[in-house]
Amino acid sequence: MSAIPLTARGAERLQAELHRLKTVERPEVINAIAEARAQGDLSENAEYDAARERQGFIEGRIQELEGTLSNAQIINPADLDVAGQAVFGAIVEIEDLESGERLTYQIVGDLEADIRANMISVSSPVARALIGRSEGDVVEVRAPAGVREYEVCSVSYE
């Protein structure tokens, strides 16, 4: 498996989820299975089936998180010598040249992307257009909705 780029905040979030799954949810589902078993006939026990299904989901997610974290490459853009260019982990403020609307995005890995939190995947059309650009550059973004032009207003690193 190849390296999975993550920001420090993204890695911390995944570590916290893994910890919660192992210390809270796994013991809860084990207790739920034990209680359902104590009720007798397992062939017609919906609570037992639901608990086993939940256990399968939790164990699968634990394995997924452990695999991701073992292959994670934590990237801190503040440690890179990028001379004000937009790189992985950078926070970029852009202005839509047509509407004048300003948007701020952080370029993150695919697993961290959350548009509601203004975190866009490094593989998204906007991020691909911004990578390597500096303040004052005009970029053309080819997205499913059409071609848009943006000016890079600022680039910062956390």
Protein backbone atom coordinates (compact mmCIF):
# COMPACT_ATOMS: atom_id res chain seq x y z
CA MET A 1 0.00 0.00 0.00
CA SER A 2 1.35 3.43 -0.88
CA ALA A 3 1.73 6.37 1.48
CA ILE A 4 -1.49 8.17 2.39
CA PRO A 5 -1.00 11.92 2.79
CA LEU A 6 -2.63 13.42 5.89
CA THR A 7 -2.44 16.70 7.72
CA ALA A 8 -1.51 16.56 11.41
CA ARG A 9 -5.10 17.50 12.33
CA GLY A 10 -6.48 14.75 10.08
CA ALA A 11 -4.19 12.14 11.63
CA GLU A 12 -5.24 13.25 15.13
CA ARG A 13 -8.91 12.96 14.15
CA LEU A 14 -8.40 9.42 12.84
CA GLN A 15 -6.42 8.46 15.98
CA ALA A 16 -9.26 9.77 18.15
CA GLU A 17 -11.83 7.78 16.18
CA LEU A 18 -9.72 4.63 16.46
CA HIS A 19 -9.33 5.15 20.21
CA ARG A 20 -13.10 5.67 20.63
CA LEU A 21 -13.89 2.54 18.62
CA LYS A 22 -11.49 0.40 20.64
CA THR A 23 -12.27 1.74 24.11
CA VAL A 24 -15.96 2.64 23.93
CA GLU A 25 -17.83 1.08 21.03
CA ARG A 26 -16.11 -2.32 20.92
CA PRO A 27 -16.79 -3.04 24.64
CA GLU A 28 -20.39 -1.81 24.26
CA VAL A 29 -21.11 -4.16 21.37
CA ILE A 30 -19.45 -7.08 23.19
CA ASN A 31 -21.77 -6.45 26.16
CA ALA A 32 -24.78 -6.21 23.83
CA ILE A 33 -23.87 -9.58 22.27
CA ALA A 34 -23.47 -11.16 25.71
CA GLU A 35 -26.87 -9.82 26.82
CA ALA A 36 -28.56 -11.05 23.64
CA ARG A 37 -26.95 -14.48 24.06
CA ALA A 38 -28.30 -14.70 27.57
CA GLN A 39 -31.85 -14.39 26.20
CA GLY A 40 -31.68 -17.87 24.75
CA ASP A 41 -32.44 -19.03 21.19
CA LEU A 42 -30.06 -17.17 18.86
CA SER A 43 -31.78 -18.27 15.64
CA GLU A 44 -34.71 -15.88 16.21
CA ASN A 45 -32.94 -13.21 18.23
CA ALA A 46 -32.98 -9.90 16.31
CA GLU A 47 -30.97 -8.11 19.03
CA TYR A 48 -28.19 -10.67 18.68
CA ASP A 49 -28.15 -10.31 14.88
CA ALA A 50 -28.06 -6.51 15.12
CA ALA A 51 -25.25 -6.58 17.68
CA ARG A 52 -23.21 -9.00 15.54
CA GLU A 53 -23.73 -6.80 12.49
CA ARG A 54 -22.62 -3.73 14.48
CA GLN A 55 -19.58 -5.66 15.70
CA GLY A 56 -18.62 -6.48 12.12
CA PHE A 57 -18.87 -2.82 11.15
CA ILE A 58 -16.76 -1.70 14.13
CA GLU A 59 -14.06 -4.31 13.53
CA GLY A 60 -13.92 -3.42 9.83
CA ARG A 61 -13.57 0.29 10.62
CA ILE A 62 -10.83 -0.45 13.17
CA GLN A 63 -8.87 -2.41 10.56
CA GLU A 64 -9.38 0.36 7.99
CA LEU A 65 -8.16 3.06 10.39
CA GLU A 66 -5.16 1.03 11.53
CA GLY A 67 -4.18 0.40 7.90
CA THR A 68 -4.56 4.06 7.01
CA LEU A 69 -2.58 5.28 10.01
CA SER A 70 0.20 2.74 9.46
CA ASN A 71 0.62 4.03 5.90
CA ALA A 72 0.05 7.69 6.72
CA GLN A 73 2.52 10.33 5.67
CA ILE A 74 1.95 13.35 7.92
CA ILE A 75 2.64 16.53 5.98
CA ASN A 76 3.05 19.88 7.70
CA PRO A 77 3.21 22.60 5.03
CA ALA A 78 4.75 25.06 7.53
CA ASP A 79 7.86 22.84 7.57
CA LEU A 80 8.23 22.93 3.78
CA ASP A 81 10.18 25.57 1.89
CA VAL A 82 7.53 26.45 -0.67
CA ALA A 83 7.94 30.23 -0.98
CA GLY A 84 4.25 31.09 -0.64
CA GLN A 85 2.97 28.48 -3.06
CA ALA A 86 -0.18 26.47 -2.48
CA VAL A 87 0.76 22.94 -1.46
CA PHE A 88 -0.85 20.05 0.39
CA GLY A 89 -2.15 21.33 3.73
CA ALA A 90 -2.12 25.00 2.70
CA ILE A 91 -5.07 27.29 3.37
CA VAL A 92 -5.86 29.19 0.20
CA GLU A 93 -8.22 32.14 -0.16
CA ILE A 94 -9.52 32.61 -3.68
CA GLU A 95 -11.86 35.07 -5.37
CA ASP A 96 -14.25 34.09 -8.15
CA LEU A 97 -13.45 36.60 -10.91
CA GLU A 98 -17.00 36.45 -12.28
CA SER A 99 -19.02 36.88 -9.08
CA GLY A 100 -16.44 38.45 -6.75
CA GLU A 101 -17.22 35.80 -4.11
CA ARG A 102 -14.30 34.92 -1.82
CA LEU A 103 -13.77 31.34 -0.70
CA THR A 104 -11.22 29.84 1.68
CA TYR A 105 -10.17 26.20 1.38
CA GLN A 106 -7.61 23.96 2.99
CA ILE A 107 -6.09 21.39 0.63
CA VAL A 108 -6.15 18.01 2.39
CA GLY A 109 -6.00 14.30 1.63
CA ASP A 110 -8.91 12.35 0.19
CA LEU A 111 -9.80 10.86 3.60
CA GLU A 112 -9.96 14.27 5.28
CA ALA A 113 -11.98 16.14 2.66
CA ASP A 114 -15.12 17.79 4.03
CA ILE A 115 -16.58 20.58 1.92
CA ARG A 116 -18.76 21.77 4.83
CA ALA A 117 -15.55 22.49 6.74
CA ASN A 118 -13.93 24.04 3.62
CA MET A 119 -11.46 21.17 3.35
CA ILE A 120 -11.05 20.03 -0.25
CA SER A 121 -9.35 16.91 -1.53
CA VAL A 122 -5.97 17.34 -3.15
CA SER A 123 -7.40 15.40 -6.11
CA SER A 124 -10.37 17.77 -6.62
CA PRO A 125 -10.39 20.04 -9.69
CA VAL A 126 -10.04 23.19 -7.56
CA ALA A 127 -7.10 21.85 -5.55
CA ARG A 128 -5.34 20.53 -8.64
CA ALA A 129 -5.62 24.00 -10.20
CA LEU A 130 -4.30 25.69 -7.04
CA ILE A 131 -1.28 23.46 -6.35
CA GLY A 132 1.92 25.36 -7.06
CA ARG A 133 0.18 28.73 -7.41
CA SER A 134 0.98 31.86 -5.40
CA GLU A 135 -0.83 34.99 -4.28
CA GLY A 136 -1.95 37.05 -7.29
CA ASP A 137 -2.05 34.12 -9.72
CA VAL A 138 -5.21 33.55 -11.75
CA VAL A 139 -6.24 29.91 -12.12
CA GLU A 140 -8.74 28.27 -14.41
CA VAL A 141 -10.73 25.45 -12.85
CA ARG A 142 -12.35 22.91 -15.11
CA ALA A 143 -15.16 21.42 -13.07
CA PRO A 144 -18.31 19.51 -14.02
CA ALA A 145 -20.27 22.79 -13.79
CA GLY A 146 -17.98 24.42 -16.35
CA VAL A 147 -14.82 26.50 -16.44
CA ARG A 148 -14.37 29.11 -13.66
CA GLU A 149 -11.55 31.57 -13.09
CA TYR A 150 -10.26 32.41 -9.63
CA GLU A 151 -7.58 34.71 -8.34
CA VAL A 152 -5.42 33.47 -5.48
CA CYS A 153 -5.79 36.11 -2.74
CA SER A 154 -3.64 34.50 -0.06
CA VAL A 155 -1.81 31.30 0.83
CA SER A 156 -1.10 30.39 4.45
CA TYR A 157 0.04 27.35 6.40
CA GLU A 158 -1.05 26.17 9.84
